[in-house]
Amino acid sequence: MIEIERKFLVTSKAFKGEAHKQIRIIQGFLNTDPERTVRVRLKGDKGVLTVKGKSTNDGLSRFEWEKEISKTDAKALLELCEKDVIDKLRYEVDVGHHTYEIDEFYKDNEGLIIAEVELSHEDEAFEKPTWLGREVTGDIRYYNSQLSKDPFKNWTL
């Protein structure tokens, strides 16, 4: 139940031609406390409830628990969520022995594209595709829970 992942900005949309899957995700947060985040997602026709613990100092790993719930329950819980919901399209791209999940954000986070790769241990080697940009692992601004409170459109870069 420990999730280990690295996050990167994406420098081009070339990944779209390599994607083997895409799915729309609407997500909101019932709780965005840094010690424990509770998220509800509508992922295509399925609902998912997720609890995440506090990240390690480097942002590489944290506790994660997920449970599939009905679409009806997910829609009802989304009505209870804090502030703004996240709207994104997720692409999956296989690179070497790993699958990258690339999120292209919409609405208040339009223009932001983030790639994540899950690892089995923190020192695991992985291939980096040409469209992968600067690493943002551990930068809380790029956590979805933060993007719902301080969306990308408000940032000064």
Protein backbone atom coordinates (compact mmCIF):
# COMPACT_ATOMS: atom_id res chain seq x y z
CA MET A 1 0.00 0.00 0.00
CA ILE A 2 2.99 2.29 -0.35
CA GLU A 3 2.98 4.17 -3.64
CA ILE A 4 6.35 5.13 -5.12
CA GLU A 5 6.17 7.48 -8.09
CA ARG A 6 8.09 10.18 -9.92
CA LYS A 7 6.40 13.17 -11.60
CA PHE A 8 7.57 15.16 -14.60
CA LEU A 9 6.35 18.02 -16.71
CA VAL A 10 5.69 17.08 -20.34
CA THR A 11 7.37 19.12 -23.09
CA SER A 12 5.29 18.09 -26.14
CA LYS A 13 2.13 16.25 -27.10
CA ALA A 14 4.09 13.52 -28.91
CA PHE A 15 3.00 11.07 -26.18
CA LYS A 16 -0.52 11.06 -27.64
CA GLY A 17 0.68 9.08 -30.65
CA GLU A 18 2.22 6.49 -28.33
CA ALA A 19 -0.76 6.12 -25.97
CA HIS A 20 -2.50 2.75 -25.80
CA LYS A 21 -5.30 3.99 -23.54
CA GLN A 22 -7.02 7.22 -22.55
CA ILE A 23 -9.76 7.93 -20.02
CA ARG A 24 -11.47 11.05 -18.68
CA ILE A 25 -11.16 11.64 -14.95
CA ILE A 26 -13.22 14.02 -12.82
CA GLN A 27 -11.96 14.19 -9.26
CA GLY A 28 -12.60 16.11 -6.12
CA PHE A 29 -11.24 16.12 -2.59
CA LEU A 30 -13.22 15.45 0.57
CA ASN A 31 -10.11 16.35 2.58
CA THR A 32 -6.85 18.02 1.50
CA ASP A 33 -5.00 17.98 4.82
CA PRO A 34 -1.31 17.20 4.03
CA GLU A 35 -1.35 14.42 6.65
CA ARG A 36 -4.19 12.57 4.84
CA THR A 37 -5.91 13.35 1.57
CA VAL A 38 -9.27 11.79 0.68
CA ARG A 39 -10.09 11.84 -3.02
CA VAL A 40 -13.11 10.72 -5.02
CA ARG A 41 -12.84 10.06 -8.74
CA LEU A 42 -15.18 9.41 -11.57
CA LYS A 43 -12.90 7.47 -13.91
CA GLY A 44 -14.86 6.71 -17.05
CA ASP A 45 -17.87 4.66 -15.83
CA LYS A 46 -16.32 3.74 -12.47
CA GLY A 47 -15.98 5.47 -9.14
CA VAL A 48 -12.86 5.31 -6.97
CA LEU A 49 -12.34 6.45 -3.38
CA THR A 50 -8.70 7.00 -2.40
CA VAL A 51 -6.96 7.85 0.86
CA LYS A 52 -3.36 9.06 0.67
CA GLY A 53 -1.01 9.63 3.58
CA LYS A 54 1.70 12.24 3.98
CA SER A 55 4.51 12.10 1.43
CA THR A 56 8.08 11.40 2.43
CA ASN A 57 10.32 14.50 2.48
CA ASP A 58 11.53 13.84 -1.08
CA GLY A 59 7.97 13.26 -2.30
CA LEU A 60 8.78 9.84 -3.74
CA SER A 61 6.49 7.67 -1.65
CA ARG A 62 3.41 7.68 0.53
CA PHE A 63 0.64 5.44 1.80
CA GLU A 64 -2.22 4.95 -0.67
CA TRP A 65 -5.46 2.99 -0.26
CA GLU A 66 -8.04 2.72 -3.05
CA LYS A 67 -11.49 1.19 -3.27
CA GLU A 68 -13.77 1.00 -6.29
CA ILE A 69 -17.21 2.46 -5.65
CA SER A 70 -20.27 2.82 -7.86
CA LYS A 71 -20.59 5.63 -10.39
CA THR A 72 -23.69 6.81 -8.49
CA ASP A 73 -21.80 6.97 -5.19
CA ALA A 74 -18.88 8.80 -6.83
CA LYS A 75 -21.20 11.43 -8.31
CA ALA A 76 -22.88 11.94 -4.92
CA LEU A 77 -19.52 12.30 -3.14
CA LEU A 78 -18.27 14.76 -5.76
CA GLU A 79 -21.10 17.06 -4.63
CA LEU A 80 -19.57 17.11 -1.11
CA CYS A 81 -16.01 17.88 -2.21
CA GLU A 82 -13.96 20.95 -1.34
CA LYS A 83 -13.70 23.85 -3.77
CA ASP A 84 -12.96 23.07 -7.43
CA VAL A 85 -12.93 19.64 -9.03
CA ILE A 86 -10.14 18.52 -11.35
CA ASP A 87 -10.99 17.64 -14.95
CA LYS A 88 -8.34 15.81 -16.95
CA LEU A 89 -7.72 13.28 -19.67
CA ARG A 90 -5.31 10.50 -18.70
CA TYR A 91 -3.19 8.76 -21.30
CA GLU A 92 -1.21 5.57 -20.68
CA VAL A 93 2.06 5.05 -22.54
CA ASP A 94 4.35 2.03 -22.18
CA VAL A 95 8.04 2.95 -22.15
CA GLY A 96 10.43 0.07 -21.55
CA HIS A 97 9.21 -1.92 -18.54
CA HIS A 98 7.05 0.90 -17.16
CA THR A 99 3.74 2.56 -17.92
CA TYR A 100 3.61 6.35 -17.79
CA GLU A 101 0.32 7.98 -16.85
CA ILE A 102 0.12 11.37 -18.52
CA ASP A 103 -2.55 13.80 -17.32
CA GLU A 104 -3.65 16.62 -19.62
CA PHE A 105 -5.59 19.07 -17.46
CA TYR A 106 -8.60 21.19 -18.45
CA LYS A 107 -10.65 24.07 -17.05
CA ASP A 108 -8.66 26.07 -14.45
CA ASN A 109 -5.57 23.88 -14.98
CA GLU A 110 -5.60 24.11 -18.80
CA GLY A 111 -2.10 24.00 -20.28
CA LEU A 112 -0.64 21.75 -17.59
CA ILE A 113 0.50 18.25 -18.61
CA ILE A 114 2.13 15.98 -16.02
CA ALA A 115 3.57 12.48 -16.45
CA GLU A 116 3.89 10.01 -13.58
CA VAL A 117 5.69 6.71 -13.46
CA GLU A 118 5.19 4.22 -10.61
CA LEU A 119 8.21 2.33 -9.35
CA SER A 120 8.65 -0.77 -7.23
CA HIS A 121 11.46 0.86 -5.22
CA GLU A 122 12.85 4.38 -4.94
CA ASP A 123 16.15 3.64 -6.73
CA GLU A 124 14.57 1.75 -9.63
CA ALA A 125 15.91 2.71 -13.07
CA PHE A 126 13.42 3.64 -15.80
CA GLU A 127 13.56 4.89 -19.38
CA LYS A 128 12.80 8.56 -20.01
CA PRO A 129 11.00 9.32 -23.28
CA THR A 130 11.91 12.41 -25.33
CA TRP A 131 8.72 14.26 -24.33
CA LEU A 132 9.58 14.05 -20.62
CA GLY A 133 10.62 17.39 -19.14
CA ARG A 134 11.69 18.72 -15.75
CA GLU A 135 11.08 16.52 -12.72
CA VAL A 136 8.56 17.92 -10.21
CA THR A 137 8.46 15.00 -7.76
CA GLY A 138 7.91 16.39 -4.27
CA ASP A 139 6.80 19.84 -5.48
CA ILE A 140 3.42 20.07 -3.78
CA ARG A 141 2.15 22.66 -6.27
CA TYR A 142 1.76 19.77 -8.73
CA TYR A 143 -0.28 17.55 -6.40
CA ASN A 144 -3.86 17.32 -7.63
CA SER A 145 -5.08 18.28 -4.16
CA GLN A 146 -3.16 21.56 -4.47
CA LEU A 147 -4.23 22.15 -8.08
CA SER A 148 -7.83 22.09 -6.88
CA LYS A 149 -7.05 24.92 -4.41
CA ASP A 150 -4.48 26.89 -6.43
CA PRO A 151 -5.08 26.12 -10.10
CA PHE A 152 -2.41 26.44 -12.78
CA LYS A 153 -4.18 29.47 -14.37
CA ASN A 154 -3.31 31.52 -11.24
CA TRP A 155 0.42 30.76 -11.31
CA THR A 156 3.05 33.25 -12.38
CA LEU A 157 5.82 31.31 -14.07
